[in-house]
Amino acid sequence: MSKNRYVFNTTLEGFINLGEPRGKYNNCCFSFRLPDSVLVDAEKDREELLAWVETKVSGRVATNVPKWDEEGLVKYSFDGETGRARPVFVDSNGDPIHLSVLKTIAKGTKVKIVCQQTPYTKPNKGTTLKVLGVQVIELQAMNGAADSGSLSTEDVLSMLGTTEGFKSSEPQVRQADPEPVATGGYDF
């Protein structure tokens, strides 16, 4: 495993748009929480990466906050104006997930994520997390969508492996108790 690379199980949270870039920032986004053990490793790695950054900058350069909050919540965006490529999305067999299925991904979806922490020096200094791949273990469906990124499906599969769970080719739909979603907002 590469230094500063993390593979972990988590659940998608918050607003999720894995389809076409849209909104104020013309992007796609999802949120997830780093497990406690990964958070400890990421914070330790961040200190080492920032020490390296200090050797590359001169003068007074501000340090940005980590990509995660105190509780390990990461708000991740890609495509559009972010300049980040889409992560590769696969099912538990390692098969690419079709766009029509990705459009249904909602909060509560259980996933395995592989991400990499990297340093940067401009315009400020800091570290960022790049999500390389997402394996859907248990799908919670609503609205949303996604595609694949700069790694091939084979690359992501070699990092994530296979596991029991959601399979695009064999959907096992069951009634979930999702929170109601207002498609056009609330009508009071």
Protein backbone atom coordinates (compact mmCIF):
# COMPACT_ATOMS: atom_id res chain seq x y z
CA MET A 1 0.00 0.00 0.00
CA SER A 2 1.29 3.42 -0.94
CA LYS A 3 2.14 5.91 1.82
CA ASN A 4 -0.66 8.43 2.32
CA ARG A 5 -3.17 6.11 0.60
CA TYR A 6 -6.16 4.91 2.61
CA VAL A 7 -8.71 2.14 1.90
CA PHE A 8 -11.70 2.01 4.25
CA ASN A 9 -15.42 1.32 4.58
CA THR A 10 -17.75 4.25 5.21
CA THR A 11 -21.23 5.57 4.41
CA LEU A 12 -22.10 8.42 2.03
CA GLU A 13 -23.62 11.44 3.78
CA GLY A 14 -25.12 14.83 3.03
CA PHE A 15 -26.01 16.14 -0.41
CA ILE A 16 -24.99 13.75 -3.19
CA ASN A 17 -24.78 14.61 -6.89
CA LEU A 18 -22.87 12.02 -8.88
CA GLY A 19 -24.45 12.92 -12.23
CA GLU A 20 -23.81 15.89 -14.43
CA PRO A 21 -21.94 18.83 -12.89
CA ARG A 22 -24.43 21.43 -11.68
CA GLY A 23 -25.09 24.05 -9.07
CA LYS A 24 -23.25 27.21 -8.11
CA TYR A 25 -19.84 25.59 -8.61
CA ASN A 26 -20.81 23.44 -11.62
CA ASN A 27 -19.57 20.23 -9.97
CA CYS A 28 -20.48 16.79 -8.64
CA CYS A 29 -20.15 16.00 -4.95
CA PHE A 30 -20.60 13.59 -2.05
CA SER A 31 -19.58 13.46 1.60
CA PHE A 32 -18.18 10.68 3.75
CA ARG A 33 -16.54 10.23 7.13
CA LEU A 34 -13.00 8.95 7.70
CA PRO A 35 -13.06 6.12 10.28
CA ASP A 36 -11.21 6.97 13.52
CA SER A 37 -8.18 4.79 12.69
CA VAL A 38 -7.85 6.37 9.23
CA LEU A 39 -8.31 9.85 10.71
CA VAL A 40 -5.38 9.26 13.09
CA ASP A 41 -3.19 8.07 10.19
CA ALA A 42 -4.29 10.95 7.93
CA GLU A 43 -3.49 13.56 10.59
CA LYS A 44 -0.06 12.01 11.23
CA ASP A 45 0.65 11.88 7.48
CA ARG A 46 -0.53 15.49 7.12
CA GLU A 47 2.09 16.64 9.65
CA GLU A 48 4.82 14.86 7.66
CA LEU A 49 3.56 16.26 4.35
CA LEU A 50 3.38 19.80 5.76
CA ALA A 51 6.97 19.45 7.02
CA TRP A 52 7.97 18.54 3.44
CA VAL A 53 5.97 21.52 2.10
CA GLU A 54 7.91 23.85 4.43
CA THR A 55 11.11 22.89 2.58
CA LYS A 56 9.56 23.97 -0.75
CA VAL A 57 8.13 27.40 0.13
CA SER A 58 9.77 30.62 1.21
CA GLY A 59 8.30 33.65 2.90
CA ARG A 60 4.97 33.85 4.63
CA VAL A 61 2.52 31.43 3.06
CA ALA A 62 -0.74 30.62 4.83
CA THR A 63 -1.56 27.00 5.70
CA ASN A 64 -5.02 25.79 4.70
CA VAL A 65 -7.11 23.67 7.06
CA PRO A 66 -7.29 19.91 6.42
CA LYS A 67 -9.79 18.57 3.88
CA TRP A 68 -11.67 16.92 6.79
CA ASP A 69 -13.28 18.44 9.87
CA GLU A 70 -12.63 17.49 13.53
CA GLU A 71 -14.98 14.51 13.23
CA GLY A 72 -13.45 13.23 9.99
CA LEU A 73 -16.19 14.49 7.63
CA VAL A 74 -14.90 15.02 4.09
CA LYS A 75 -16.94 17.00 1.55
CA TYR A 76 -15.59 15.88 -1.82
CA SER A 77 -16.29 17.50 -5.17
CA PHE A 78 -15.10 16.72 -8.69
CA ASP A 79 -15.63 17.61 -12.37
CA GLY A 80 -16.84 20.97 -13.51
CA GLU A 81 -14.71 23.84 -12.25
CA THR A 82 -12.86 21.77 -9.61
CA GLY A 83 -10.37 20.30 -12.06
CA ARG A 84 -10.62 16.92 -10.28
CA ALA A 85 -11.40 13.83 -12.34
CA ARG A 86 -14.31 11.59 -11.41
CA PRO A 87 -13.41 8.65 -9.18
CA VAL A 88 -13.96 5.16 -10.58
CA PHE A 89 -17.23 3.69 -9.24
CA VAL A 90 -17.55 -0.12 -9.13
CA ASP A 91 -19.93 -2.65 -7.57
CA SER A 92 -18.88 -5.37 -5.11
CA ASN A 93 -17.73 -7.61 -8.02
CA GLY A 94 -15.52 -4.82 -9.35
CA ASP A 95 -17.78 -4.20 -12.35
CA PRO A 96 -18.26 -0.57 -13.41
CA ILE A 97 -21.57 0.84 -12.25
CA HIS A 98 -23.77 2.08 -15.09
CA LEU A 99 -24.71 5.75 -15.10
CA SER A 100 -28.40 4.90 -14.72
CA VAL A 101 -27.64 3.17 -11.39
CA LEU A 102 -25.23 5.86 -10.22
CA LYS A 103 -27.96 8.45 -10.68
CA THR A 104 -29.87 6.75 -7.89
CA ILE A 105 -27.11 6.79 -5.26
CA ALA A 106 -28.22 8.59 -2.09
CA LYS A 107 -27.01 9.18 1.45
CA GLY A 108 -26.81 6.02 3.49
CA THR A 109 -25.09 4.09 0.69
CA LYS A 110 -22.35 1.90 2.19
CA VAL A 111 -19.08 2.09 0.26
CA LYS A 112 -15.41 1.18 0.34
CA ILE A 113 -13.24 4.13 -0.67
CA VAL A 114 -9.62 4.40 -1.73
CA CYS A 115 -8.13 7.89 -1.47
CA GLN A 116 -4.70 9.52 -1.48
CA GLN A 117 -3.50 12.50 0.57
CA THR A 118 -1.16 14.80 -1.35
CA PRO A 119 0.59 18.08 -0.49
CA TYR A 120 0.39 21.38 -2.36
CA THR A 121 2.28 24.67 -2.14
CA LYS A 122 0.22 27.21 -4.12
CA PRO A 123 -1.57 29.51 -3.66
CA ASN A 124 -1.35 28.50 0.01
CA LYS A 125 0.16 25.37 1.49
CA GLY A 126 -1.64 22.30 2.73
CA THR A 127 -2.79 18.81 1.85
CA THR A 128 -5.79 17.48 0.00
CA LEU A 129 -7.53 14.14 -0.43
CA LYS A 130 -8.15 12.71 -3.88
CA VAL A 131 -10.75 9.95 -4.04
CA LEU A 132 -9.39 7.39 -6.51
CA GLY A 133 -12.19 4.84 -6.40
CA VAL A 134 -15.50 3.99 -4.75
CA GLN A 135 -16.90 0.47 -4.41
CA VAL A 136 -20.63 0.37 -3.64
CA ILE A 137 -21.32 -2.29 -1.01
CA GLU A 138 -24.96 -1.49 -0.17
CA LEU A 139 -26.92 0.88 -2.39
CA GLN A 140 -29.48 3.32 -1.01
CA ALA A 141 -31.38 4.67 -4.02
CA MET A 142 -32.88 8.14 -4.59
CA ASN A 143 -31.45 10.62 -7.19
CA GLY A 144 -27.81 11.30 -8.30
CA ALA A 145 -25.16 9.89 -10.81
CA ALA A 146 -21.39 9.28 -11.63
CA ASP A 147 -18.74 7.93 -14.00
CA SER A 148 -15.10 6.80 -13.87
CA GLY A 149 -11.91 8.82 -13.38
CA SER A 150 -8.23 8.72 -14.27
CA LEU A 151 -7.62 5.20 -12.88
CA SER A 152 -8.85 2.24 -14.89
CA THR A 153 -11.46 -0.09 -13.50
CA GLU A 154 -8.74 -2.76 -13.18
CA ASP A 155 -6.55 -0.36 -11.13
CA VAL A 156 -9.37 0.39 -8.68
CA LEU A 157 -10.34 -3.30 -8.45
CA SER A 158 -6.75 -4.26 -7.62
CA MET A 159 -6.83 -1.77 -4.72
CA LEU A 160 -10.34 -2.61 -3.47
CA GLY A 161 -10.79 -6.31 -4.31
CA THR A 162 -14.23 -7.92 -4.24
CA THR A 163 -16.61 -8.30 -1.31
CA GLU A 164 -20.15 -9.43 -0.55
CA GLY A 165 -22.80 -6.82 -1.31
CA PHE A 166 -24.46 -4.83 -4.12
CA LYS A 167 -23.99 -6.19 -7.67
CA SER A 168 -25.14 -4.26 -10.76
CA SER A 169 -25.84 -7.51 -12.60
CA GLU A 170 -27.93 -8.99 -9.75
CA PRO A 171 -29.99 -6.28 -8.03
CA GLN A 172 -31.57 -7.40 -4.76
CA VAL A 173 -34.08 -4.61 -4.19
CA ARG A 174 -35.69 -4.44 -0.76
CA GLN A 175 -37.77 -1.82 1.01
CA ALA A 176 -35.61 0.66 2.90
CA ASP A 177 -36.86 3.32 5.25
CA PRO A 178 -35.25 6.36 3.60
CA GLU A 179 -35.95 9.87 4.72
CA PRO A 180 -38.54 11.53 2.48
CA VAL A 181 -37.00 13.68 -0.20
CA ALA A 182 -38.79 16.70 -1.63
CA THR A 183 -37.93 16.83 -5.35
CA GLY A 184 -39.10 20.40 -5.80
CA GLY A 185 -38.46 21.68 -2.31
CA TYR A 186 -40.94 21.89 0.49
CA ASP A 187 -44.41 23.27 -0.18
CA PHE A 188 -45.58 24.97 3.01
